[in-house]
PDB file of N, CA and C in Angstrom:
ATOM      1  N   UNK A   1     -24.773 -29.927  44.146  1.00  0.00           N
ATOM      2  CA  UNK A   1     -23.538 -29.188  43.454  1.00  0.00           C
ATOM      3  C   UNK A   1     -22.397 -29.956  43.673  1.00  0.00           C
ATOM      4  N   UNK A   2     -21.746 -30.188  42.541  1.00  0.00           N
ATOM      5  CA  UNK A   2     -20.583 -31.131  42.409  1.00  0.00           C
ATOM      6  C   UNK A   2     -19.223 -30.403  42.767  1.00  0.00           C
ATOM      7  N   UNK A   3     -18.154 -31.160  43.018  1.00  0.00           N
ATOM      8  CA  UNK A   3     -16.934 -30.572  43.228  1.00  0.00           C
ATOM      9  C   UNK A   3     -16.391 -29.613  42.140  1.00  0.00           C
ATOM     10  N   UNK A   4     -16.492 -29.975  40.938  1.00  0.00           N
ATOM     11  CA  UNK A   4     -16.038 -29.279  39.779  1.00  0.00           C
ATOM     12  C   UNK A   4     -17.020 -28.339  39.015  1.00  0.00           C
ATOM     13  N   UNK A   5     -18.108 -28.017  39.681  1.00  0.00           N
ATOM     14  CA  UNK A   5     -19.120 -27.164  39.092  1.00  0.00           C
ATOM     15  C   UNK A   5     -18.585 -25.735  38.716  1.00  0.00           C
ATOM     16  N   UNK A   6     -17.551 -25.393  39.402  1.00  0.00           N
ATOM     17  CA  UNK A   6     -17.013 -24.006  39.076  1.00  0.00           C
ATOM     18  C   UNK A   6     -16.428 -24.000  37.684  1.00  0.00           C
ATOM     19  N   UNK A   7     -15.951 -24.983  37.216  1.00  0.00           N
ATOM     20  CA  UNK A   7     -15.453 -25.131  35.783  1.00  0.00           C
ATOM     21  C   UNK A   7     -16.521 -24.813  34.833  1.00  0.00           C
ATOM     22  N   UNK A   8     -17.738 -24.947  35.080  1.00  0.00           N
ATOM     23  CA  UNK A   8     -18.841 -24.763  34.145  1.00  0.00           C
ATOM     24  C   UNK A   8     -19.027 -23.214  33.954  1.00  0.00           C
ATOM     25  N   UNK A   9     -18.525 -22.258  34.766  1.00  0.00           N
ATOM     26  CA  UNK A   9     -18.779 -20.965  34.835  1.00  0.00           C
ATOM     27  C   UNK A   9     -17.813 -20.387  33.726  1.00  0.00           C
ATOM     28  N   UNK A  10     -18.346 -19.518  32.784  1.00  0.00           N
ATOM     29  CA  UNK A  10     -17.609 -18.868  31.864  1.00  0.00           C
ATOM     30  C   UNK A  10     -17.348 -17.414  32.348  1.00  0.00           C
ATOM     31  N   UNK A  11     -16.092 -16.947  32.216  1.00  0.00           N
ATOM     32  CA  UNK A  11     -15.886 -15.579  32.602  1.00  0.00           C
ATOM     33  C   UNK A  11     -15.293 -14.832  31.350  1.00  0.00           C
ATOM     34  N   UNK A  12     -15.961 -13.744  31.109  1.00  0.00           N
ATOM     35  CA  UNK A  12     -15.501 -12.908  29.899  1.00  0.00           C
ATOM     36  C   UNK A  12     -14.183 -12.240  30.158  1.00  0.00           C
ATOM     37  N   UNK A  13     -13.198 -12.306  29.340  1.00  0.00           N
ATOM     38  CA  UNK A  13     -11.868 -11.607  29.452  1.00  0.00           C
ATOM     39  C   UNK A  13     -12.145 -10.128  29.477  1.00  0.00           C
ATOM     40  N   UNK A  14     -11.804  -9.403  30.484  1.00  0.00           N
ATOM     41  CA  UNK A  14     -12.084  -7.994  30.519  1.00  0.00           C
ATOM     42  C   UNK A  14     -10.765  -7.347  29.869  1.00  0.00           C
ATOM     43  N   UNK A  15      -9.633  -8.094  29.802  1.00  0.00           N
ATOM     44  CA  UNK A  15      -8.391  -7.496  29.153  1.00  0.00           C
ATOM     45  C   UNK A  15      -8.260  -7.785  27.694  1.00  0.00           C
ATOM     46  N   UNK A  16      -9.285  -8.313  27.150  1.00  0.00           N
ATOM     47  CA  UNK A  16      -9.218  -8.631  25.574  1.00  0.00           C
ATOM     48  C   UNK A  16      -9.079  -7.257  24.820  1.00  0.00           C
ATOM     49  N   UNK A  17      -8.211  -7.329  23.842  1.00  0.00           N
ATOM     50  CA  UNK A  17      -7.956  -6.060  23.012  1.00  0.00           C
ATOM     51  C   UNK A  17      -9.159  -5.728  22.339  1.00  0.00           C
ATOM     52  N   UNK A  18      -9.451  -4.454  22.205  1.00  0.00           N
ATOM     53  CA  UNK A  18     -10.641  -3.870  21.444  1.00  0.00           C
ATOM     54  C   UNK A  18     -10.357  -4.115  20.032  1.00  0.00           C
ATOM     55  N   UNK A  19     -11.336  -4.343  19.257  1.00  0.00           N
ATOM     56  CA  UNK A  19     -11.259  -4.603  17.875  1.00  0.00           C
ATOM     57  C   UNK A  19     -11.365  -3.232  17.191  1.00  0.00           C
ATOM     58  N   UNK A  20     -10.702  -3.020  16.110  1.00  0.00           N
ATOM     59  CA  UNK A  20     -10.765  -1.675  15.397  1.00  0.00           C
ATOM     60  C   UNK A  20     -12.033  -1.671  14.687  1.00  0.00           C
ATOM     61  N   UNK A  21     -12.559  -0.599  14.706  1.00  0.00           N
ATOM     62  CA  UNK A  21     -13.788  -0.288  14.076  1.00  0.00           C
ATOM     63  C   UNK A  21     -13.668  -0.312  12.678  1.00  0.00           C
ATOM     64  N   UNK A  22     -14.718  -0.856  12.012  1.00  0.00           N
ATOM     65  CA  UNK A  22     -14.701  -0.988  10.494  1.00  0.00           C
ATOM     66  C   UNK A  22     -15.260   0.298   9.976  1.00  0.00           C
ATOM     67  N   UNK A  23     -15.724   1.178  10.820  1.00  0.00           N
ATOM     68  CA  UNK A  23     -16.169   2.479  10.364  1.00  0.00           C
ATOM     69  C   UNK A  23     -15.189   3.339   9.497  1.00  0.00           C
ATOM     70  N   UNK A  24     -13.896   3.232   9.841  1.00  0.00           N
ATOM     71  CA  UNK A  24     -12.991   4.059   9.033  1.00  0.00           C
ATOM     72  C   UNK A  24     -12.956   3.540   7.508  1.00  0.00           C
ATOM     73  N   UNK A  25     -13.454   2.294   7.233  1.00  0.00           N
ATOM     74  CA  UNK A  25     -13.352   1.782   5.882  1.00  0.00           C
ATOM     75  C   UNK A  25     -14.291   2.576   5.143  1.00  0.00           C
ATOM     76  N   UNK A  26     -15.274   3.164   5.467  1.00  0.00           N
ATOM     77  CA  UNK A  26     -16.162   3.898   4.642  1.00  0.00           C
ATOM     78  C   UNK A  26     -15.781   5.519   4.474  1.00  0.00           C
ATOM     79  N   UNK A  27     -15.091   6.069   5.387  1.00  0.00           N
ATOM     80  CA  UNK A  27     -14.692   7.472   5.276  1.00  0.00           C
ATOM     81  C   UNK A  27     -13.225   7.519   5.734  1.00  0.00           C
ATOM     82  N   UNK A  28     -12.263   6.970   5.069  1.00  0.00           N
ATOM     83  CA  UNK A  28     -10.904   6.985   5.518  1.00  0.00           C
ATOM     84  C   UNK A  28     -10.154   8.197   5.078  1.00  0.00           C
ATOM     85  N   UNK A  29      -9.961   9.076   6.100  1.00  0.00           N
ATOM     86  CA  UNK A  29      -9.092  10.303   5.958  1.00  0.00           C
ATOM     87  C   UNK A  29      -9.155  11.070   4.640  1.00  0.00           C
ATOM     88  N   UNK A  30     -10.431  11.115   4.141  1.00  0.00           N
ATOM     89  CA  UNK A  30     -10.842  11.942   2.898  1.00  0.00           C
ATOM     90  C   UNK A  30      -9.955  11.338   1.607  1.00  0.00           C
ATOM     91  N   UNK A  31      -9.469  10.148   1.655  1.00  0.00           N
ATOM     92  CA  UNK A  31      -8.819   9.541   0.447  1.00  0.00           C
ATOM     93  C   UNK A  31      -7.228   9.895   0.415  1.00  0.00           C
ATOM     94  N   UNK A  32      -6.804  10.644   1.403  1.00  0.00           N
ATOM     95  CA  UNK A  32      -5.336  11.016   1.367  1.00  0.00           C
ATOM     96  C   UNK A  32      -4.484   9.991   2.127  1.00  0.00           C
ATOM     97  N   UNK A  33      -3.297   9.648   1.572  1.00  0.00           N
ATOM     98  CA  UNK A  33      -2.461   8.615   2.166  1.00  0.00           C
ATOM     99  C   UNK A  33      -1.598   9.423   3.139  1.00  0.00           C
ATOM    100  N   UNK A  34      -1.365   8.883   4.432  1.00  0.00           N
ATOM    101  CA  UNK A  34      -0.499   9.473   5.361  1.00  0.00           C
ATOM    102  C   UNK A  34       0.790   8.724   5.471  1.00  0.00           C
ATOM    103  N   UNK A  35       0.993   7.663   4.676  1.00  0.00           N
ATOM    104  CA  UNK A  35       2.159   6.848   4.661  1.00  0.00           C
ATOM    105  C   UNK A  35       1.917   5.536   4.085  1.00  0.00           C
ATOM    106  N   UNK A  36       2.704   4.468   4.540  1.00  0.00           N
ATOM    107  CA  UNK A  36       2.606   3.222   3.901  1.00  0.00           C
ATOM    108  C   UNK A  36       2.653   2.097   4.978  1.00  0.00           C
ATOM    109  N   UNK A  37       2.032   0.880   4.585  1.00  0.00           N
ATOM    110  CA  UNK A  37       2.110  -0.246   5.416  1.00  0.00           C
ATOM    111  C   UNK A  37       2.756  -1.365   4.466  1.00  0.00           C
ATOM    112  N   UNK A  38       3.685  -2.020   4.943  1.00  0.00           N
ATOM    113  CA  UNK A  38       4.337  -3.023   4.126  1.00  0.00           C
ATOM    114  C   UNK A  38       4.142  -4.437   4.753  1.00  0.00           C
ATOM    115  N   UNK A  39       3.648  -5.330   3.864  1.00  0.00           N
ATOM    116  CA  UNK A  39       3.404  -6.730   4.267  1.00  0.00           C
ATOM    117  C   UNK A  39       4.176  -7.566   3.104  1.00  0.00           C
ATOM    118  N   UNK A  40       4.961  -8.522   3.441  1.00  0.00           N
ATOM    119  CA  UNK A  40       5.528  -9.396   2.434  1.00  0.00           C
ATOM    120  C   UNK A  40       6.057  -8.630   1.266  1.00  0.00           C
ATOM    121  N   UNK A  41       6.797  -7.645   1.390  1.00  0.00           N
ATOM    122  CA  UNK A  41       7.513  -6.857   0.294  1.00  0.00           C
ATOM    123  C   UNK A  41       6.527  -6.216  -0.585  1.00  0.00           C
ATOM    124  N   UNK A  42       5.220  -6.023  -0.148  1.00  0.00           N
ATOM    125  CA  UNK A  42       4.281  -5.190  -0.944  1.00  0.00           C
ATOM    126  C   UNK A  42       3.934  -3.869   0.055  1.00  0.00           C
ATOM    127  N   UNK A  43       3.822  -2.752  -0.608  1.00  0.00           N
ATOM    128  CA  UNK A  43       3.501  -1.501   0.157  1.00  0.00           C
ATOM    129  C   UNK A  43       2.082  -1.138  -0.178  1.00  0.00           C
ATOM    130  N   UNK A  44       1.409  -0.657   0.719  1.00  0.00           N
ATOM    131  CA  UNK A  44      -0.067  -0.279   0.569  1.00  0.00           C
ATOM    132  C   UNK A  44      -0.129   1.193   1.220  1.00  0.00           C
ATOM    133  N   UNK A  45      -0.948   2.047   0.538  1.00  0.00           N
ATOM    134  CA  UNK A  45      -1.159   3.431   1.112  1.00  0.00           C
ATOM    135  C   UNK A  45      -1.815   3.280   2.531  1.00  0.00           C
ATOM    136  N   UNK A  46      -1.399   4.143   3.475  1.00  0.00           N
ATOM    137  CA  UNK A  46      -2.027   4.075   4.796  1.00  0.00           C
ATOM    138  C   UNK A  46      -2.961   5.275   4.838  1.00  0.00           C
ATOM    139  N   UNK A  47      -4.277   4.896   5.013  1.00  0.00           N
ATOM    140  CA  UNK A  47      -5.247   6.023   5.004  1.00  0.00           C
ATOM    141  C   UNK A  47      -5.559   6.641   6.357  1.00  0.00           C
ATOM    142  N   UNK A  48      -5.389   5.806   7.370  1.00  0.00           N
ATOM    143  CA  UNK A  48      -5.609   6.456   8.763  1.00  0.00           C
ATOM    144  C   UNK A  48      -4.809   5.485   9.734  1.00  0.00           C
ATOM    145  N   UNK A  49      -4.483   6.085  10.883  1.00  0.00           N
ATOM    146  CA  UNK A  49      -3.702   5.374  11.792  1.00  0.00           C
ATOM    147  C   UNK A  49      -4.171   5.909  13.247  1.00  0.00           C
ATOM    148  N   UNK A  50      -4.333   5.045  14.249  1.00  0.00           N
ATOM    149  CA  UNK A  50      -4.756   5.395  15.556  1.00  0.00           C
ATOM    150  C   UNK A  50      -3.987   4.429  16.519  1.00  0.00           C
ATOM    151  N   UNK A  51      -4.157   4.740  17.852  1.00  0.00           N
ATOM    152  CA  UNK A  51      -3.651   3.758  18.761  1.00  0.00           C
ATOM    153  C   UNK A  51      -4.248   2.462  18.831  1.00  0.00           C
ATOM    154  N   UNK A  52      -5.267   2.273  18.193  1.00  0.00           N
ATOM    155  CA  UNK A  52      -5.880   0.891  18.087  1.00  0.00           C
ATOM    156  C   UNK A  52      -5.557   0.169  16.862  1.00  0.00           C
ATOM    157  N   UNK A  53      -5.274   0.912  15.811  1.00  0.00           N
ATOM    158  CA  UNK A  53      -4.860   0.299  14.609  1.00  0.00           C
ATOM    159  C   UNK A  53      -4.757   1.139  13.328  1.00  0.00           C
ATOM    160  N   UNK A  54      -4.941   0.700  12.139  1.00  0.00           N
ATOM    161  CA  UNK A  54      -4.871   1.498  10.973  1.00  0.00           C
ATOM    162  C   UNK A  54      -5.742   0.941   9.788  1.00  0.00           C
ATOM    163  N   UNK A  55      -5.920   1.678   8.821  1.00  0.00           N
ATOM    164  CA  UNK A  55      -6.610   1.354   7.471  1.00  0.00           C
ATOM    165  C   UNK A  55      -5.714   1.592   6.309  1.00  0.00           C
ATOM    166  N   UNK A  56      -5.650   0.662   5.503  1.00  0.00           N
ATOM    167  CA  UNK A  56      -4.860   0.716   4.200  1.00  0.00           C
ATOM    168  C   UNK A  56      -5.786   0.569   3.058  1.00  0.00           C
ATOM    169  N   UNK A  57      -5.421   1.058   1.901  1.00  0.00           N
ATOM    170  CA  UNK A  57      -6.233   1.047   0.613  1.00  0.00           C
ATOM    171  C   UNK A  57      -5.329   0.320  -0.441  1.00  0.00           C
ATOM    172  N   UNK A  58      -5.848   0.142  -1.550  1.00  0.00           N
ATOM    173  CA  UNK A  58      -5.183  -0.553  -2.714  1.00  0.00           C
ATOM    174  C   UNK A  58      -4.767  -2.034  -2.324  1.00  0.00           C
ATOM    175  N   UNK A  59      -5.571  -2.551  -1.420  1.00  0.00           N
ATOM    176  CA  UNK A  59      -5.222  -3.951  -0.800  1.00  0.00           C
ATOM    177  C   UNK A  59      -5.675  -5.034  -1.866  1.00  0.00           C
ATOM    178  N   UNK A  60      -4.746  -6.134  -1.941  1.00  0.00           N
ATOM    179  CA  UNK A  60      -4.893  -7.049  -2.903  1.00  0.00           C
ATOM    180  C   UNK A  60      -5.407  -8.395  -2.369  1.00  0.00           C
ATOM    181  N   UNK A  61      -5.975  -8.420  -1.146  1.00  0.00           N
ATOM    182  CA  UNK A  61      -6.494  -9.712  -0.567  1.00  0.00           C
ATOM    183  C   UNK A  61      -5.345 -10.629  -0.244  1.00  0.00           C
ATOM    184  N   UNK A  62      -4.070 -10.123  -0.035  1.00  0.00           N
ATOM    185  CA  UNK A  62      -3.021 -11.133   0.523  1.00  0.00           C
ATOM    186  C   UNK A  62      -3.025 -11.491   1.811  1.00  0.00           C
ATOM    187  N   UNK A  63      -3.909 -10.829   2.509  1.00  0.00           N
ATOM    188  CA  UNK A  63      -4.266 -11.297   3.939  1.00  0.00           C
ATOM    189  C   UNK A  63      -5.760 -11.431   4.081  1.00  0.00           C
ATOM    190  N   UNK A  64      -6.157 -12.227   5.073  1.00  0.00           N
ATOM    191  CA  UNK A  64      -7.629 -12.519   5.391  1.00  0.00           C
ATOM    192  C   UNK A  64      -7.949 -11.993   6.769  1.00  0.00           C
ATOM    193  N   UNK A  65      -9.139 -11.787   6.932  1.00  0.00           N
ATOM    194  CA  UNK A  65      -9.667 -11.305   8.302  1.00  0.00           C
ATOM    195  C   UNK A  65      -9.349 -12.523   9.372  1.00  0.00           C
ATOM    196  N   UNK A  66      -8.789 -11.986  10.420  1.00  0.00           N
ATOM    197  CA  UNK A  66      -8.499 -13.049  11.410  1.00  0.00           C
ATOM    198  C   UNK A  66      -6.976 -13.457  11.452  1.00  0.00           C
ATOM    199  N   UNK A  67      -6.264 -13.103  10.399  1.00  0.00           N
ATOM    200  CA  UNK A  67      -4.875 -13.535  10.163  1.00  0.00           C
ATOM    201  C   UNK A  67      -3.943 -12.489  10.872  1.00  0.00           C
ATOM    202  N   UNK A  68      -2.883 -12.917  11.469  1.00  0.00           N
ATOM    203  CA  UNK A  68      -1.873 -12.211  12.006  1.00  0.00           C
ATOM    204  C   UNK A  68      -0.737 -12.042  11.034  1.00  0.00           C
ATOM    205  N   UNK A  69      -0.013 -10.826  11.005  1.00  0.00           N
ATOM    206  CA  UNK A  69       1.134 -10.631  10.129  1.00  0.00           C
ATOM    207  C   UNK A  69       2.132  -9.733  10.809  1.00  0.00           C
ATOM    208  N   UNK A  70       3.324  -9.622  10.223  1.00  0.00           N
ATOM    209  CA  UNK A  70       4.486  -8.616  10.653  1.00  0.00           C
ATOM    210  C   UNK A  70       4.403  -7.619   9.535  1.00  0.00           C
ATOM    211  N   UNK A  71       4.335  -6.324  10.011  1.00  0.00           N
ATOM    212  CA  UNK A  71       4.166  -5.268   9.145  1.00  0.00           C
ATOM    213  C   UNK A  71       5.179  -4.048   9.508  1.00  0.00           C
ATOM    214  N   UNK A  72       5.669  -3.301   8.443  1.00  0.00           N
ATOM    215  CA  UNK A  72       6.347  -2.109   8.750  1.00  0.00           C
ATOM    216  C   UNK A  72       5.604  -0.981   8.297  1.00  0.00           C
ATOM    217  N   UNK A  73       5.304  -0.045   9.242  1.00  0.00           N
ATOM    218  CA  UNK A  73       4.500   1.100   9.176  1.00  0.00           C
ATOM    219  C   UNK A  73       5.527   2.332   8.965  1.00  0.00           C
ATOM    220  N   UNK A  74       5.184   3.230   7.981  1.00  0.00           N
ATOM    221  CA  UNK A  74       5.876   4.450   7.761  1.00  0.00           C
ATOM    222  C   UNK A  74       4.931   5.507   7.587  1.00  0.00           C
ATOM    223  N   UNK A  75       5.011   6.550   8.536  1.00  0.00           N
ATOM    224  CA  UNK A  75       4.102   7.596   8.370  1.00  0.00           C
ATOM    225  C   UNK A  75       5.018   8.872   8.000  1.00  0.00           C
ATOM    226  N   UNK A  76       4.628   9.585   7.048  1.00  0.00           N
ATOM    227  CA  UNK A  76       5.387  10.622   6.574  1.00  0.00           C
ATOM    228  C   UNK A  76       4.468  11.717   5.909  1.00  0.00           C
ATOM    229  N   UNK A  77       4.061  12.729   6.702  1.00  0.00           N
ATOM    230  CA  UNK A  77       3.197  13.893   6.258  1.00  0.00           C
ATOM    231  C   UNK A  77       3.591  14.996   7.169  1.00  0.00           C
ATOM    232  N   UNK A  78       2.818  16.144   7.016  1.00  0.00           N
ATOM    233  CA  UNK A  78       3.047  17.398   7.715  1.00  0.00           C
ATOM    234  C   UNK A  78       2.947  17.187   9.186  1.00  0.00           C
ATOM    235  N   UNK A  79       2.160  16.190   9.804  1.00  0.00           N
ATOM    236  CA  UNK A  79       1.897  16.042  11.095  1.00  0.00           C
ATOM    237  C   UNK A  79       2.875  15.133  11.912  1.00  0.00           C
ATOM    238  N   UNK A  80       3.737  14.408  11.208  1.00  0.00           N
ATOM    239  CA  UNK A  80       4.619  13.509  11.797  1.00  0.00           C
ATOM    240  C   UNK A  80       5.433  12.701  10.757  1.00  0.00           C
ATOM    241  N   UNK A  81       6.640  12.139  11.293  1.00  0.00           N
ATOM    242  CA  UNK A  81       7.466  11.396  10.570  1.00  0.00           C
ATOM    243  C   UNK A  81       7.979  10.281  11.405  1.00  0.00           C
ATOM    244  N   UNK A  82       7.624   8.951  11.172  1.00  0.00           N
ATOM    245  CA  UNK A  82       8.150   7.949  12.025  1.00  0.00           C
ATOM    246  C   UNK A  82       8.015   6.624  11.199  1.00  0.00           C
ATOM    247  N   UNK A  83       8.598   5.631  11.596  1.00  0.00           N
ATOM    248  CA  UNK A  83       8.619   4.190  11.048  1.00  0.00           C
ATOM    249  C   UNK A  83       8.927   3.300  12.133  1.00  0.00           C
ATOM    250  N   UNK A  84       8.219   2.097  12.102  1.00  0.00           N
ATOM    251  CA  UNK A  84       8.405   1.098  13.010  1.00  0.00           C
ATOM    252  C   UNK A  84       7.951  -0.422  12.487  1.00  0.00           C
ATOM    253  N   UNK A  85       8.402  -1.418  12.877  1.00  0.00           N
ATOM    254  CA  UNK A  85       7.977  -2.752  12.536  1.00  0.00           C
ATOM    255  C   UNK A  85       7.299  -3.390  13.766  1.00  0.00           C
ATOM    256  N   UNK A  86       6.041  -4.017  13.583  1.00  0.00           N
ATOM    257  CA  UNK A  86       5.358  -4.618  14.644  1.00  0.00           C
ATOM    258  C   UNK A  86       4.437  -5.741  14.084  1.00  0.00           C
ATOM    259  N   UNK A  87       3.617  -6.359  14.908  1.00  0.00           N
ATOM    260  CA  UNK A  87       2.832  -7.422  14.575  1.00  0.00           C
ATOM    261  C   UNK A  87       1.446  -6.861  14.545  1.00  0.00           C
ATOM    262  N   UNK A  88       0.604  -7.289  13.645  1.00  0.00           N
ATOM    263  CA  UNK A  88      -0.809  -6.815  13.492  1.00  0.00           C
ATOM    264  C   UNK A  88      -1.780  -7.956  13.344  1.00  0.00           C
ATOM    265  N   UNK A  89      -3.095  -7.670  13.549  1.00  0.00           N
ATOM    266  CA  UNK A  89      -4.075  -8.606  13.265  1.00  0.00           C
ATOM    267  C   UNK A  89      -5.028  -7.964  12.236  1.00  0.00           C
ATOM    268  N   UNK A  90      -5.412  -8.782  11.300  1.00  0.00           N
ATOM    269  CA  UNK A  90      -6.358  -8.097  10.139  1.00  0.00           C
ATOM    270  C   UNK A  90      -7.882  -8.325  10.820  1.00  0.00           C
ATOM    271  N   UNK A  91      -8.562  -7.196  10.800  1.00  0.00           N
ATOM    272  CA  UNK A  91      -9.977  -7.326  11.341  1.00  0.00           C
ATOM    273  C   UNK A  91     -10.929  -7.315  10.185  1.00  0.00           C
ATOM    274  N   UNK A  92     -10.834  -6.653   9.232  1.00  0.00           N
ATOM    275  CA  UNK A  92     -11.815  -6.520   8.191  1.00  0.00           C
ATOM    276  C   UNK A  92     -11.158  -6.204   6.924  1.00  0.00           C
ATOM    277  N   UNK A  93     -11.830  -6.882   5.760  1.00  0.00           N
ATOM    278  CA  UNK A  93     -11.425  -6.486   4.383  1.00  0.00           C
ATOM    279  C   UNK A  93     -12.689  -6.252   3.676  1.00  0.00           C
ATOM    280  N   UNK A  94     -12.646  -4.975   3.039  1.00  0.00           N
ATOM    281  CA  UNK A  94     -13.917  -4.589   2.233  1.00  0.00           C
ATOM    282  C   UNK A  94     -13.387  -3.960   0.886  1.00  0.00           C
ATOM    283  N   UNK A  95     -13.593  -4.719  -0.080  1.00  0.00           N
ATOM    284  CA  UNK A  95     -13.073  -4.097  -1.417  1.00  0.00           C
ATOM    285  C   UNK A  95     -11.598  -4.074  -1.402  1.00  0.00           C
ATOM    286  N   UNK A  96     -11.088  -2.836  -1.618  1.00  0.00           N
ATOM    287  CA  UNK A  96      -9.619  -2.677  -1.721  1.00  0.00           C
ATOM    288  C   UNK A  96      -9.091  -2.114  -0.338  1.00  0.00           C
ATOM    289  N   UNK A  97      -9.918  -2.126   0.726  1.00  0.00           N
ATOM    290  CA  UNK A  97      -9.612  -1.559   1.968  1.00  0.00           C
ATOM    291  C   UNK A  97      -9.350  -2.639   2.949  1.00  0.00           C
ATOM    292  N   UNK A  98      -8.448  -2.490   3.925  1.00  0.00           N
ATOM    293  CA  UNK A  98      -8.267  -3.348   4.999  1.00  0.00           C
ATOM    294  C   UNK A  98      -8.071  -2.609   6.297  1.00  0.00           C
ATOM    295  N   UNK A  99      -8.746  -3.095   7.368  1.00  0.00           N
ATOM    296  CA  UNK A  99      -8.498  -2.570   8.747  1.00  0.00           C
ATOM    297  C   UNK A  99      -7.792  -3.482   9.492  1.00  0.00           C
ATOM    298  N   UNK A 100      -6.851  -3.120  10.216  1.00  0.00           N
ATOM    299  CA  UNK A 100      -5.968  -3.915  11.155  1.00  0.00           C
ATOM    300  C   UNK A 100      -5.769  -3.264  12.434  1.00  0.00           C
ATOM    301  N   UNK A 101      -5.562  -4.187  13.500  1.00  0.00           N
ATOM    302  CA  UNK A 101      -5.303  -3.697  14.894  1.00  0.00           C
ATOM    303  C   UNK A 101      -3.919  -4.110  15.272  1.00  0.00           C
ATOM    304  N   UNK A 102      -3.377  -3.442  16.173  1.00  0.00           N
ATOM    305  CA  UNK A 102      -2.008  -3.744  16.647  1.00  0.00           C
ATOM    306  C   UNK A 102      -2.064  -5.017  17.490  1.00  0.00           C
ATOM    307  N   UNK A 103      -1.277  -5.913  17.330  1.00  0.00           N
ATOM    308  CA  UNK A 103      -1.080  -7.128  18.294  1.00  0.00           C
ATOM    309  C   UNK A 103      -0.116  -6.797  19.354  1.00  0.00           C
ATOM    310  N   UNK A 104       1.095  -6.304  18.919  1.00  0.00           N
ATOM    311  CA  UNK A 104       2.101  -5.838  19.774  1.00  0.00           C
ATOM    312  C   UNK A 104       2.550  -4.465  19.429  1.00  0.00           C
ATOM    313  N   UNK A 105       2.403  -3.695  20.257  1.00  0.00           N
ATOM    314  CA  UNK A 105       2.902  -2.222  20.030  1.00  0.00           C
ATOM    315  C   UNK A 105       3.683  -1.590  21.208  1.00  0.00           C
ATOM    316  N   UNK A 106       4.919  -1.382  20.884  1.00  0.00           N
ATOM    317  CA  UNK A 106       5.761  -0.769  22.056  1.00  0.00           C
ATOM    318  C   UNK A 106       5.396   0.491  22.435  1.00  0.00           C
ATOM    319  N   UNK A 107       6.007   0.789  23.692  1.00  0.00           N
ATOM    320  CA  UNK A 107       5.723   2.153  24.206  1.00  0.00           C
ATOM    321  C   UNK A 107       6.193   3.408  23.401  1.00  0.00           C
ATOM    322  N   UNK A 108       7.321   3.180  22.671  1.00  0.00           N
ATOM    323  CA  UNK A 108       7.865   4.259  21.846  1.00  0.00           C
ATOM    324  C   UNK A 108       6.955   4.458  20.593  1.00  0.00           C
ATOM    325  N   UNK A 109       6.541   3.313  20.084  1.00  0.00           N
ATOM    326  CA  UNK A 109       5.561   3.328  18.848  1.00  0.00           C
ATOM    327  C   UNK A 109       4.189   3.893  19.240  1.00  0.00           C
ATOM    328  N   UNK A 110       3.684   3.636  20.436  1.00  0.00           N
ATOM    329  CA  UNK A 110       2.443   4.204  20.890  1.00  0.00           C
ATOM    330  C   UNK A 110       2.568   5.642  21.106  1.00  0.00           C
ATOM    331  N   UNK A 111       3.737   6.025  21.606  1.00  0.00           N
ATOM    332  CA  UNK A 111       3.865   7.502  21.908  1.00  0.00           C
ATOM    333  C   UNK A 111       3.961   8.309  20.592  1.00  0.00           C
ATOM    334  N   UNK A 112       4.602   7.692  19.583  1.00  0.00           N
ATOM    335  CA  UNK A 112       4.708   8.377  18.353  1.00  0.00           C
ATOM    336  C   UNK A 112       3.279   8.508  17.758  1.00  0.00           C
ATOM    337  N   UNK A 113       2.528   7.492  17.731  1.00  0.00           N
ATOM    338  CA  UNK A 113       1.175   7.545  17.150  1.00  0.00           C
ATOM    339  C   UNK A 113       0.298   8.576  17.976  1.00  0.00           C
ATOM    340  N   UNK A 114       0.337   8.460  19.299  1.00  0.00           N
ATOM    341  CA  UNK A 114      -0.401   9.499  19.992  1.00  0.00           C
ATOM    342  C   UNK A 114      -0.076  10.889  19.701  1.00  0.00           C
ATOM    343  N   UNK A 115       1.219  11.274  19.522  1.00  0.00           N
ATOM    344  CA  UNK A 115       1.711  12.571  19.263  1.00  0.00           C
ATOM    345  C   UNK A 115       1.181  12.835  17.776  1.00  0.00           C
ATOM    346  N   UNK A 116       1.145  12.068  16.888  1.00  0.00           N
ATOM    347  CA  UNK A 116       0.849  12.253  15.551  1.00  0.00           C
ATOM    348  C   UNK A 116      -0.661  12.626  15.511  1.00  0.00           C
ATOM    349  N   UNK A 117      -1.487  11.779  16.297  1.00  0.00           N
ATOM    350  CA  UNK A 117      -2.876  12.037  16.279  1.00  0.00           C
ATOM    351  C   UNK A 117      -3.309  13.357  16.989  1.00  0.00           C
ATOM    352  N   UNK A 118      -2.473  13.692  18.030  1.00  0.00           N
ATOM    353  CA  UNK A 118      -2.664  14.957  18.779  1.00  0.00           C
ATOM    354  C   UNK A 118      -2.328  16.189  17.801  1.00  0.00           C
ATOM    355  N   UNK A 119      -1.247  16.033  16.948  1.00  0.00           N
ATOM    356  CA  UNK A 119      -0.901  17.158  16.064  1.00  0.00           C
ATOM    357  C   UNK A 119      -1.913  17.330  15.003  1.00  0.00           C
ATOM    358  N   UNK A 120      -2.447  16.170  14.491  1.00  0.00           N
ATOM    359  CA  UNK A 120      -3.411  16.228  13.550  1.00  0.00           C
ATOM    360  C   UNK A 120      -4.819  16.880  14.050  1.00  0.00           C
ATOM    361  N   UNK A 121      -5.185  16.496  15.221  1.00  0.00           N
ATOM    362  CA  UNK A 121      -6.351  17.020  15.976  1.00  0.00           C
ATOM    363  C   UNK A 121      -6.220  18.489  16.069  1.00  0.00           C
ATOM    364  N   UNK A 122      -4.948  18.940  16.535  1.00  0.00           N
ATOM    365  CA  UNK A 122      -4.707  20.385  16.836  1.00  0.00           C
ATOM    366  C   UNK A 122      -4.794  21.168  15.651  1.00  0.00           C
ATOM    367  N   UNK A 123      -4.526  20.605  14.403  1.00  0.00           N
ATOM    368  CA  UNK A 123      -4.670  21.353  13.093  1.00  0.00           C
ATOM    369  C   UNK A 123      -6.012  21.258  12.624  1.00  0.00           C
ATOM    370  N   UNK A 124      -6.853  20.457  13.308  1.00  0.00           N
ATOM    371  CA  UNK A 124      -8.229  20.336  12.790  1.00  0.00           C
ATOM    372  C   UNK A 124      -8.528  19.402  11.659  1.00  0.00           C
ATOM    373  N   UNK A 125      -7.641  18.434  11.401  1.00  0.00           N
ATOM    374  CA  UNK A 125      -7.746  17.523  10.259  1.00  0.00           C
ATOM    375  C   UNK A 125      -8.371  16.236  10.723  1.00  0.00           C
TER     376      UNK A 125
END
């Protein structure tokens, strides 16, 4: 055993952020928009939002999977109204839908999303 054999051991990062599931791409919020996501002065309908990320539709392939971007999220429906700007990572693009995860999400934004999801769940939607 050599002096630097410990460098050969790979350790999996337990704190790595969870990737957003691509599952919402197939059944996104029954087709109803809950708000908008804006990249590079283009707005896209927001189909679903969670504490892990969101799914948009009518996407024009302006971003690719693995790319990071700055976005403004605006949610405006009967379950909540809020808006914020943050960094996201693109996880999957399928047809005209795009799934993204939050790269940087502040505590106020996280609290607004949690409250929105709880309101929606309480209403059975």
